[in-house]
Amino acid sequence: MSEVTRLLDAVERGEPQAAEELLPLVYEELRRLAAHKMSAEPAGQTLQATALVHEAWLRLEGEGHPWRNRRHFFTAAAEAMRRILGAVISRDTGTARRGGAAVA
């Protein structure tokens, strides 16, 4: 069992220090995943990869899902990032339609 999987199990059991230990182990991989997701988005994105990682982490931590393994965790992270980007794009598009760039 990998260290990540062990910590995911500990998070599921409710061990508070497990999430603190997990984040440094998965951060760089989440950052690469976020950068990849961002590269597919249109130019002028208001969100940066680091912010996307942090927002996804908050969502993952708050969901309380039992992740079976490392792969399941990163699949959930990718889905969270996709949803966050969709919400940001939707918000930015709606703002632009309502004259968000207009100067009063």
N, C-alpha and C. Protein backbone atom coordinates (compact mmCIF):
# COMPACT_ATOMS: atom_id res chain seq x y z
N MET A 1 0.85 -1.18 0.00
CA MET A 1 0.00 0.00 0.00
C MET A 1 0.90 1.24 0.00
N SER A 2 0.61 2.15 -0.91
CA SER A 2 1.41 3.37 -0.99
C SER A 2 1.09 4.29 0.19
N GLU A 3 1.98 5.22 0.41
CA GLU A 3 1.79 6.20 1.50
C GLU A 3 0.52 7.01 1.26
N VAL A 4 0.27 7.36 0.00
CA VAL A 4 -0.94 8.14 -0.32
C VAL A 4 -2.19 7.33 0.02
N THR A 5 -2.22 6.07 -0.38
CA THR A 5 -3.38 5.22 -0.10
C THR A 5 -3.56 5.04 1.40
N ARG A 6 -2.46 4.88 2.12
CA ARG A 6 -2.54 4.75 3.58
C ARG A 6 -3.15 6.00 4.20
N LEU A 7 -2.72 7.16 3.72
CA LEU A 7 -3.25 8.42 4.26
C LEU A 7 -4.70 8.62 3.85
N LEU A 8 -5.06 8.20 2.65
CA LEU A 8 -6.47 8.30 2.23
C LEU A 8 -7.35 7.46 3.14
N ASP A 9 -6.89 6.27 3.49
CA ASP A 9 -7.61 5.43 4.44
C ASP A 9 -7.74 6.12 5.80
N ALA A 10 -6.66 6.77 6.24
CA ALA A 10 -6.67 7.47 7.53
C ALA A 10 -7.64 8.65 7.50
N VAL A 11 -7.70 9.36 6.36
CA VAL A 11 -8.65 10.47 6.22
C VAL A 11 -10.07 9.93 6.34
N GLU A 12 -10.32 8.80 5.69
CA GLU A 12 -11.65 8.19 5.74
C GLU A 12 -12.04 7.80 7.17
N ARG A 13 -11.06 7.35 7.94
CA ARG A 13 -11.32 6.98 9.34
C ARG A 13 -11.48 8.20 10.24
N GLY A 14 -11.24 9.39 9.68
CA GLY A 14 -11.43 10.60 10.46
C GLY A 14 -10.22 11.07 11.23
N GLU A 15 -9.06 10.56 10.90
CA GLU A 15 -7.83 10.99 11.59
C GLU A 15 -7.47 12.40 11.11
N PRO A 16 -7.52 13.40 11.99
CA PRO A 16 -7.35 14.80 11.58
C PRO A 16 -5.99 15.13 10.97
N GLN A 17 -4.91 14.51 11.43
CA GLN A 17 -3.59 14.84 10.92
C GLN A 17 -3.34 14.22 9.54
N ALA A 18 -4.16 13.27 9.13
CA ALA A 18 -3.94 12.57 7.87
C ALA A 18 -4.05 13.51 6.68
N ALA A 19 -5.04 14.40 6.67
CA ALA A 19 -5.19 15.35 5.56
C ALA A 19 -4.01 16.30 5.49
N GLU A 20 -3.51 16.69 6.65
CA GLU A 20 -2.34 17.58 6.68
C GLU A 20 -1.10 16.88 6.12
N GLU A 21 -0.98 15.59 6.34
CA GLU A 21 0.14 14.82 5.81
C GLU A 21 -0.05 14.51 4.33
N LEU A 22 -1.30 14.36 3.91
CA LEU A 22 -1.60 13.99 2.53
C LEU A 22 -1.30 15.12 1.55
N LEU A 23 -1.70 16.32 1.88
CA LEU A 23 -1.57 17.44 0.93
C LEU A 23 -0.14 17.61 0.39
N PRO A 24 0.89 17.64 1.23
CA PRO A 24 2.24 17.79 0.66
C PRO A 24 2.64 16.65 -0.28
N LEU A 25 2.10 15.45 -0.04
CA LEU A 25 2.45 14.32 -0.89
C LEU A 25 1.80 14.40 -2.27
N VAL A 26 0.63 14.99 -2.35
CA VAL A 26 -0.11 15.01 -3.62
C VAL A 26 -0.12 16.38 -4.29
N TYR A 27 0.43 17.39 -3.63
CA TYR A 27 0.31 18.76 -4.13
C TYR A 27 0.89 18.94 -5.53
N GLU A 28 2.10 18.47 -5.76
CA GLU A 28 2.74 18.67 -7.07
C GLU A 28 1.96 17.98 -8.18
N GLU A 29 1.45 16.79 -7.89
CA GLU A 29 0.66 16.08 -8.90
C GLU A 29 -0.66 16.81 -9.16
N LEU A 30 -1.28 17.33 -8.11
CA LEU A 30 -2.50 18.14 -8.30
C LEU A 30 -2.19 19.40 -9.09
N ARG A 31 -1.05 19.99 -8.84
CA ARG A 31 -0.64 21.21 -9.56
C ARG A 31 -0.46 20.92 -11.05
N ARG A 32 0.18 19.79 -11.36
CA ARG A 32 0.34 19.40 -12.78
C ARG A 32 -1.02 19.14 -13.43
N LEU A 33 -1.90 18.48 -12.71
CA LEU A 33 -3.25 18.21 -13.21
C LEU A 33 -3.99 19.52 -13.48
N ALA A 34 -3.89 20.46 -12.56
CA ALA A 34 -4.54 21.76 -12.72
C ALA A 34 -3.97 22.52 -13.91
N ALA A 35 -2.65 22.51 -14.07
CA ALA A 35 -2.02 23.19 -15.20
C ALA A 35 -2.49 22.58 -16.51
N HIS A 36 -2.62 21.26 -16.54
CA HIS A 36 -3.11 20.59 -17.74
C HIS A 36 -4.56 20.99 -18.04
N LYS A 37 -5.38 21.01 -17.02
CA LYS A 37 -6.78 21.41 -17.20
C LYS A 37 -6.87 22.86 -17.68
N MET A 38 -6.02 23.72 -17.11
CA MET A 38 -6.04 25.14 -17.48
C MET A 38 -5.57 25.35 -18.92
N SER A 39 -4.66 24.51 -19.40
CA SER A 39 -4.14 24.68 -20.75
C SER A 39 -5.22 24.45 -21.81
N ALA A 40 -6.26 23.72 -21.45
CA ALA A 40 -7.35 23.45 -22.39
C ALA A 40 -8.42 24.54 -22.36
N GLU A 41 -8.30 25.47 -21.44
CA GLU A 41 -9.30 26.54 -21.29
C GLU A 41 -8.96 27.72 -22.19
N PRO A 42 -9.98 28.54 -22.52
CA PRO A 42 -9.73 29.72 -23.35
C PRO A 42 -8.80 30.72 -22.66
N ALA A 43 -8.13 31.50 -23.46
CA ALA A 43 -7.22 32.53 -22.93
C ALA A 43 -8.00 33.53 -22.09
N GLY A 44 -7.31 34.18 -21.17
CA GLY A 44 -7.94 35.20 -20.34
C GLY A 44 -8.62 34.62 -19.12
N GLN A 45 -8.30 33.40 -18.77
CA GLN A 45 -8.88 32.75 -17.61
C GLN A 45 -8.54 33.54 -16.35
N THR A 46 -9.52 33.74 -15.49
CA THR A 46 -9.30 34.52 -14.27
C THR A 46 -8.72 33.68 -13.13
N LEU A 47 -8.75 32.39 -13.28
CA LEU A 47 -8.28 31.49 -12.24
C LEU A 47 -6.89 30.98 -12.60
N GLN A 48 -6.01 30.88 -11.62
CA GLN A 48 -4.67 30.33 -11.84
C GLN A 48 -4.63 28.90 -11.33
N ALA A 49 -3.66 28.14 -11.82
CA ALA A 49 -3.57 26.72 -11.47
C ALA A 49 -3.46 26.51 -9.96
N THR A 50 -2.70 27.34 -9.29
CA THR A 50 -2.55 27.20 -7.83
C THR A 50 -3.89 27.39 -7.13
N ALA A 51 -4.64 28.38 -7.55
CA ALA A 51 -5.95 28.63 -6.96
C ALA A 51 -6.90 27.46 -7.26
N LEU A 52 -6.78 26.90 -8.45
CA LEU A 52 -7.61 25.75 -8.82
C LEU A 52 -7.30 24.56 -7.91
N VAL A 53 -6.03 24.31 -7.63
CA VAL A 53 -5.64 23.23 -6.74
C VAL A 53 -6.24 23.46 -5.35
N HIS A 54 -6.13 24.65 -4.85
CA HIS A 54 -6.63 24.95 -3.50
C HIS A 54 -8.14 24.81 -3.42
N GLU A 55 -8.83 25.31 -4.43
CA GLU A 55 -10.29 25.19 -4.45
C GLU A 55 -10.71 23.72 -4.55
N ALA A 56 -10.04 22.96 -5.41
CA ALA A 56 -10.36 21.54 -5.54
C ALA A 56 -10.09 20.81 -4.22
N TRP A 57 -8.98 21.14 -3.56
CA TRP A 57 -8.65 20.50 -2.28
C TRP A 57 -9.74 20.77 -1.25
N LEU A 58 -10.21 22.01 -1.19
CA LEU A 58 -11.27 22.34 -0.24
C LEU A 58 -12.54 21.53 -0.52
N ARG A 59 -12.86 21.39 -1.78
CA ARG A 59 -14.05 20.60 -2.14
C ARG A 59 -13.85 19.12 -1.81
N LEU A 60 -12.70 18.60 -2.14
CA LEU A 60 -12.43 17.18 -1.86
C LEU A 60 -12.44 16.90 -0.37
N GLU A 61 -11.85 17.79 0.38
CA GLU A 61 -11.78 17.62 1.83
C GLU A 61 -13.18 17.70 2.45
N GLY A 62 -14.01 18.57 1.91
CA GLY A 62 -15.35 18.75 2.45
C GLY A 62 -16.35 17.68 2.06
N GLU A 63 -16.06 16.95 0.99
CA GLU A 63 -17.01 15.95 0.51
C GLU A 63 -17.06 14.72 1.40
N GLY A 64 -15.95 14.37 2.00
CA GLY A 64 -15.92 13.21 2.87
C GLY A 64 -16.10 11.88 2.16
N HIS A 65 -15.72 11.81 0.89
CA HIS A 65 -15.84 10.56 0.14
C HIS A 65 -14.75 9.59 0.55
N PRO A 66 -15.10 8.32 0.63
CA PRO A 66 -14.05 7.32 0.88
C PRO A 66 -13.35 6.99 -0.43
N TRP A 67 -12.13 7.43 -0.57
CA TRP A 67 -11.39 7.13 -1.79
C TRP A 67 -10.75 5.77 -1.64
N ARG A 68 -10.96 4.93 -2.63
CA ARG A 68 -10.45 3.55 -2.57
C ARG A 68 -8.94 3.49 -2.69
N ASN A 69 -8.40 4.40 -3.49
CA ASN A 69 -6.95 4.36 -3.73
C ASN A 69 -6.52 5.68 -4.35
N ARG A 70 -5.25 5.76 -4.68
CA ARG A 70 -4.66 6.97 -5.27
C ARG A 70 -5.37 7.36 -6.56
N ARG A 71 -5.61 6.39 -7.41
CA ARG A 71 -6.26 6.67 -8.70
C ARG A 71 -7.65 7.26 -8.51
N HIS A 72 -8.40 6.68 -7.59
CA HIS A 72 -9.75 7.18 -7.32
C HIS A 72 -9.70 8.62 -6.81
N PHE A 73 -8.73 8.91 -5.95
CA PHE A 73 -8.57 10.26 -5.42
C PHE A 73 -8.28 11.27 -6.54
N PHE A 74 -7.33 10.93 -7.43
CA PHE A 74 -6.97 11.87 -8.49
C PHE A 74 -8.08 12.00 -9.54
N THR A 75 -8.87 10.95 -9.72
CA THR A 75 -10.03 11.05 -10.60
C THR A 75 -11.05 12.02 -10.00
N ALA A 76 -11.27 11.93 -8.69
CA ALA A 76 -12.18 12.86 -8.01
C ALA A 76 -11.64 14.28 -8.08
N ALA A 77 -10.33 14.44 -7.94
CA ALA A 77 -9.71 15.77 -8.02
C ALA A 77 -9.89 16.37 -9.42
N ALA A 78 -9.70 15.56 -10.45
CA ALA A 78 -9.87 16.03 -11.82
C ALA A 78 -11.32 16.45 -12.07
N GLU A 79 -12.25 15.69 -11.55
CA GLU A 79 -13.67 16.04 -11.71
C GLU A 79 -13.99 17.33 -10.96
N ALA A 80 -13.45 17.50 -9.76
CA ALA A 80 -13.67 18.74 -9.01
C ALA A 80 -13.12 19.93 -9.77
N MET A 81 -11.93 19.77 -10.36
CA MET A 81 -11.33 20.86 -11.13
C MET A 81 -12.18 21.19 -12.36
N ARG A 82 -12.68 20.16 -13.02
CA ARG A 82 -13.53 20.39 -14.20
C ARG A 82 -14.78 21.19 -13.82
N ARG A 83 -15.38 20.83 -12.70
CA ARG A 83 -16.59 21.54 -12.26
C ARG A 83 -16.29 22.98 -11.85
N ILE A 84 -15.17 23.18 -11.18
CA ILE A 84 -14.78 24.53 -10.78
C ILE A 84 -14.56 25.39 -12.01
N LEU A 85 -13.82 24.88 -12.98
CA LEU A 85 -13.57 25.64 -14.22
C LEU A 85 -14.87 25.94 -14.95
N GLY A 86 -15.77 24.98 -14.97
CA GLY A 86 -17.07 25.21 -15.60
C GLY A 86 -17.84 26.32 -14.92
N ALA A 87 -17.81 26.34 -13.60
CA ALA A 87 -18.50 27.39 -12.85
C ALA A 87 -17.87 28.76 -13.09
N VAL A 88 -16.54 28.81 -13.15
CA VAL A 88 -15.84 30.08 -13.38
C VAL A 88 -16.15 30.59 -14.78
N ILE A 89 -16.10 29.72 -15.76
CA ILE A 89 -16.39 30.13 -17.14
C ILE A 89 -17.83 30.61 -17.25
N SER A 90 -18.74 29.89 -16.63
CA SER A 90 -20.14 30.28 -16.65
C SER A 90 -20.34 31.65 -15.99
N ARG A 91 -19.69 31.85 -14.85
CA ARG A 91 -19.79 33.13 -14.15
C ARG A 91 -19.21 34.26 -15.00
N ASP A 92 -18.02 34.04 -15.57
CA ASP A 92 -17.38 35.07 -16.39
C ASP A 92 -18.20 35.39 -17.63
N THR A 93 -18.76 34.38 -18.25
CA THR A 93 -19.58 34.59 -19.44
C THR A 93 -20.84 35.38 -19.09
N GLY A 94 -21.47 35.02 -17.98
CA GLY A 94 -22.67 35.73 -17.55
C GLY A 94 -22.39 37.17 -17.20
N THR A 95 -21.25 37.41 -16.56
CA THR A 95 -20.87 38.77 -16.19
C THR A 95 -20.63 39.60 -17.45
N ALA A 96 -19.96 39.04 -18.43
CA ALA A 96 -19.69 39.75 -19.67
C ALA A 96 -20.99 40.09 -20.40
N ARG A 97 -21.95 39.18 -20.37
CA ARG A 97 -23.24 39.43 -21.02
C ARG A 97 -24.00 40.57 -20.36
N ARG A 98 -23.80 40.74 -19.09
CA ARG A 98 -24.52 41.80 -18.37
C ARG A 98 -23.72 43.09 -18.32
N GLY A 99 -22.73 43.21 -19.17
CA GLY A 99 -21.97 44.45 -19.22
C GLY A 99 -20.93 44.58 -18.13
N GLY A 100 -20.35 43.47 -17.70
CA GLY A 100 -19.38 43.45 -16.63
C GLY A 100 -18.15 44.30 -16.91
N ALA A 101 -17.83 44.51 -18.17
CA ALA A 101 -16.64 45.30 -18.51
C ALA A 101 -16.99 46.77 -18.71
N ALA A 102 -18.26 47.10 -18.62
CA ALA A 102 -18.67 48.49 -18.85
C ALA A 102 -18.21 49.38 -17.69
N VAL A 103 -17.81 50.59 -18.02
CA VAL A 103 -17.39 51.55 -17.02
C VAL A 103 -18.55 52.49 -16.75
N ALA A 104 -18.87 52.68 -15.49
CA ALA A 104 -20.03 53.52 -15.14
C ALA A 104 -19.66 54.98 -15.12
